[in-house]
């Protein structure tokens, strides 16, 4: 069975580090897509973080717990 991944975060590499640390500390596996070269040219967030569809809700609430604002503002 193929895992489906959903994007939970897009932002700078510095902010992504905090997200990755929180996910790792809570046993949530993630995939990171770093588009640093494209981001410099286009001016959009460089790092995207994806989690397994089954972990989506838990990961989003975790981001709220670490002060990434309101759940409605997260991907």
N, C-alpha and C. Protein backbone atom coordinates (compact mmCIF):
# COMPACT_ATOMS: atom_id res chain seq x y z
N UNK A 1 0.84 -1.18 0.00
CA UNK A 1 0.00 0.00 0.00
C UNK A 1 0.89 1.25 0.00
N UNK A 2 0.58 2.16 -0.86
CA UNK A 2 1.39 3.36 -1.01
C UNK A 2 0.97 4.43 0.00
N UNK A 3 1.96 5.03 0.66
CA UNK A 3 1.68 6.12 1.60
C UNK A 3 1.41 7.39 0.84
N UNK A 4 0.44 8.14 1.32
CA UNK A 4 0.17 9.46 0.75
C UNK A 4 0.74 10.48 1.72
N UNK A 5 1.38 11.49 1.18
CA UNK A 5 1.96 12.53 2.01
C UNK A 5 1.26 13.86 1.74
N UNK A 6 1.13 14.64 2.79
CA UNK A 6 0.48 15.94 2.69
C UNK A 6 1.43 17.01 3.22
N UNK A 7 1.38 18.17 2.59
CA UNK A 7 2.24 19.28 3.00
C UNK A 7 1.65 19.92 4.26
N UNK A 8 2.50 20.08 5.28
CA UNK A 8 2.04 20.73 6.51
C UNK A 8 2.75 22.05 6.76
N UNK A 9 3.82 22.31 6.00
CA UNK A 9 4.59 23.52 6.27
C UNK A 9 5.32 23.97 5.01
N UNK A 10 5.35 25.27 4.82
CA UNK A 10 6.20 25.92 3.82
C UNK A 10 6.78 27.15 4.47
N UNK A 11 8.07 27.33 4.36
CA UNK A 11 8.69 28.50 4.98
C UNK A 11 10.19 28.49 4.79
N UNK A 12 10.84 29.32 5.57
CA UNK A 12 12.29 29.44 5.48
C UNK A 12 12.98 28.23 6.10
N UNK A 13 14.24 28.07 5.78
CA UNK A 13 14.99 26.94 6.32
C UNK A 13 15.13 27.04 7.83
N UNK A 14 15.19 28.24 8.37
CA UNK A 14 15.31 28.42 9.82
C UNK A 14 14.03 27.96 10.52
N UNK A 15 12.89 28.38 9.99
CA UNK A 15 11.61 27.95 10.57
C UNK A 15 11.41 26.46 10.38
N UNK A 16 11.83 25.94 9.25
CA UNK A 16 11.70 24.51 8.97
C UNK A 16 12.48 23.68 9.98
N UNK A 17 13.61 24.19 10.44
CA UNK A 17 14.42 23.47 11.43
C UNK A 17 13.61 23.24 12.71
N UNK A 18 12.88 24.25 13.16
CA UNK A 18 12.05 24.10 14.36
C UNK A 18 10.94 23.07 14.13
N UNK A 19 10.33 23.11 12.95
CA UNK A 19 9.27 22.16 12.62
C UNK A 19 9.84 20.74 12.60
N UNK A 20 10.97 20.54 11.94
CA UNK A 20 11.58 19.21 11.86
C UNK A 20 11.97 18.69 13.24
N UNK A 21 12.51 19.56 14.08
CA UNK A 21 12.88 19.14 15.43
C UNK A 21 11.66 18.69 16.22
N UNK A 22 10.56 19.43 16.11
CA UNK A 22 9.33 19.08 16.83
C UNK A 22 8.77 17.76 16.32
N UNK A 23 8.75 17.58 15.01
CA UNK A 23 8.23 16.33 14.45
C UNK A 23 9.08 15.14 14.88
N UNK A 24 10.39 15.29 14.80
CA UNK A 24 11.30 14.22 15.19
C UNK A 24 11.13 13.87 16.67
N UNK A 25 11.04 14.89 17.52
CA UNK A 25 10.90 14.67 18.96
C UNK A 25 9.60 13.93 19.30
N UNK A 26 8.62 14.03 18.41
CA UNK A 26 7.33 13.39 18.65
C UNK A 26 7.12 12.14 17.79
N UNK A 27 8.18 11.66 17.18
CA UNK A 27 8.13 10.42 16.43
C UNK A 27 7.35 10.47 15.13
N UNK A 28 7.23 11.65 14.54
CA UNK A 28 6.52 11.80 13.28
C UNK A 28 7.55 11.90 12.15
N UNK A 29 7.50 10.95 11.23
CA UNK A 29 8.41 10.97 10.10
C UNK A 29 7.95 12.01 9.09
N UNK A 30 8.90 12.59 8.38
CA UNK A 30 8.57 13.64 7.43
C UNK A 30 9.47 13.55 6.21
N UNK A 31 9.04 14.23 5.17
CA UNK A 31 9.84 14.41 3.96
C UNK A 31 10.05 15.90 3.80
N UNK A 32 11.28 16.29 3.52
CA UNK A 32 11.62 17.70 3.33
C UNK A 32 11.97 17.94 1.87
N UNK A 33 11.38 18.96 1.30
CA UNK A 33 11.71 19.36 -0.07
C UNK A 33 12.29 20.77 0.01
N UNK A 34 13.55 20.88 -0.31
CA UNK A 34 14.26 22.16 -0.21
C UNK A 34 14.44 22.74 -1.60
N UNK A 35 13.85 23.89 -1.83
CA UNK A 35 13.92 24.54 -3.13
C UNK A 35 14.66 25.87 -3.02
N UNK A 36 15.77 25.86 -2.32
CA UNK A 36 16.50 27.10 -2.03
C UNK A 36 16.87 27.88 -3.29
N UNK A 37 17.38 27.23 -4.30
CA UNK A 37 17.78 27.94 -5.51
C UNK A 37 16.60 28.58 -6.22
N UNK A 38 15.50 27.86 -6.32
CA UNK A 38 14.30 28.40 -6.96
C UNK A 38 13.72 29.54 -6.13
N UNK A 39 13.75 29.39 -4.82
CA UNK A 39 13.15 30.39 -3.93
C UNK A 39 13.86 31.74 -4.03
N UNK A 40 15.15 31.71 -4.19
CA UNK A 40 15.90 32.96 -4.30
C UNK A 40 15.44 33.74 -5.52
N UNK A 41 15.23 33.05 -6.61
CA UNK A 41 14.81 33.70 -7.85
C UNK A 41 13.35 34.13 -7.79
N UNK A 42 12.49 33.24 -7.33
CA UNK A 42 11.04 33.50 -7.37
C UNK A 42 10.52 34.24 -6.15
N UNK A 43 11.22 34.18 -5.03
CA UNK A 43 10.80 34.88 -3.83
C UNK A 43 9.69 34.19 -3.04
N UNK A 44 9.63 32.85 -3.07
CA UNK A 44 8.65 32.14 -2.26
C UNK A 44 9.36 31.23 -1.27
N UNK A 45 8.63 30.70 -0.28
CA UNK A 45 9.28 29.87 0.75
C UNK A 45 10.11 28.74 0.15
N UNK A 46 11.27 28.52 0.75
CA UNK A 46 12.24 27.58 0.20
C UNK A 46 12.04 26.14 0.63
N UNK A 47 11.47 25.90 1.80
CA UNK A 47 11.40 24.55 2.34
C UNK A 47 9.94 24.14 2.53
N UNK A 48 9.62 22.94 2.08
CA UNK A 48 8.29 22.37 2.25
C UNK A 48 8.45 21.08 3.03
N UNK A 49 7.58 20.87 4.01
CA UNK A 49 7.65 19.65 4.82
C UNK A 49 6.33 18.89 4.66
N UNK A 50 6.46 17.60 4.40
CA UNK A 50 5.33 16.72 4.19
C UNK A 50 5.35 15.62 5.24
N UNK A 51 4.17 15.18 5.67
CA UNK A 51 4.06 14.04 6.58
C UNK A 51 3.08 13.04 5.97
N UNK A 52 3.13 11.83 6.48
CA UNK A 52 2.19 10.81 6.05
C UNK A 52 0.77 11.29 6.36
N UNK A 53 -0.14 10.98 5.49
CA UNK A 53 -1.53 11.41 5.64
C UNK A 53 -2.09 11.02 7.01
N UNK A 54 -1.69 9.87 7.53
CA UNK A 54 -2.18 9.41 8.83
C UNK A 54 -1.69 10.29 9.98
N UNK A 55 -0.57 10.99 9.81
CA UNK A 55 0.00 11.84 10.85
C UNK A 55 -0.37 13.31 10.70
N UNK A 56 -1.14 13.64 9.67
CA UNK A 56 -1.41 15.04 9.34
C UNK A 56 -2.01 15.83 10.51
N UNK A 57 -3.09 15.34 11.07
CA UNK A 57 -3.76 16.09 12.14
C UNK A 57 -2.85 16.26 13.35
N UNK A 58 -2.20 15.19 13.75
CA UNK A 58 -1.30 15.24 14.91
C UNK A 58 -0.16 16.24 14.67
N UNK A 59 0.39 16.22 13.45
CA UNK A 59 1.50 17.12 13.12
C UNK A 59 1.04 18.58 13.13
N UNK A 60 -0.14 18.85 12.59
CA UNK A 60 -0.63 20.23 12.56
C UNK A 60 -0.88 20.77 13.96
N UNK A 61 -1.46 19.95 14.83
CA UNK A 61 -1.68 20.41 16.21
C UNK A 61 -0.36 20.57 16.95
N UNK A 62 0.62 19.77 16.61
CA UNK A 62 1.95 19.92 17.20
C UNK A 62 2.53 21.28 16.81
N UNK A 63 2.35 21.70 15.56
CA UNK A 63 2.85 23.00 15.12
C UNK A 63 2.16 24.13 15.87
N UNK A 64 0.91 23.98 16.15
CA UNK A 64 0.20 24.99 16.95
C UNK A 64 0.80 25.03 18.35
N UNK A 65 1.08 23.85 18.92
CA UNK A 65 1.67 23.78 20.26
C UNK A 65 3.03 24.46 20.35
N UNK A 66 3.77 24.48 19.25
CA UNK A 66 5.09 25.13 19.28
C UNK A 66 5.01 26.56 18.73
N UNK A 67 3.81 27.13 18.82
CA UNK A 67 3.58 28.54 18.50
C UNK A 67 3.66 28.91 17.03
N UNK A 68 3.22 28.02 16.17
CA UNK A 68 3.08 28.37 14.76
C UNK A 68 1.67 28.87 14.50
N UNK A 69 1.23 29.76 15.40
CA UNK A 69 -0.05 30.45 15.29
C UNK A 69 -1.25 29.51 15.29
N UNK A 70 -2.26 29.92 14.58
CA UNK A 70 -3.55 29.24 14.57
C UNK A 70 -3.54 28.09 13.58
N UNK A 71 -4.29 27.05 13.88
CA UNK A 71 -4.35 25.87 13.01
C UNK A 71 -4.83 26.24 11.61
N UNK A 72 -5.62 27.29 11.47
CA UNK A 72 -6.12 27.69 10.16
C UNK A 72 -5.03 28.28 9.28
N UNK A 73 -3.91 28.68 9.87
CA UNK A 73 -2.83 29.29 9.09
C UNK A 73 -1.81 28.26 8.62
N UNK A 74 -1.91 27.05 9.10
CA UNK A 74 -0.99 26.00 8.71
C UNK A 74 -1.52 25.35 7.45
N UNK A 75 -0.61 24.97 6.53
CA UNK A 75 -0.98 24.37 5.24
C UNK A 75 -2.16 23.44 5.36
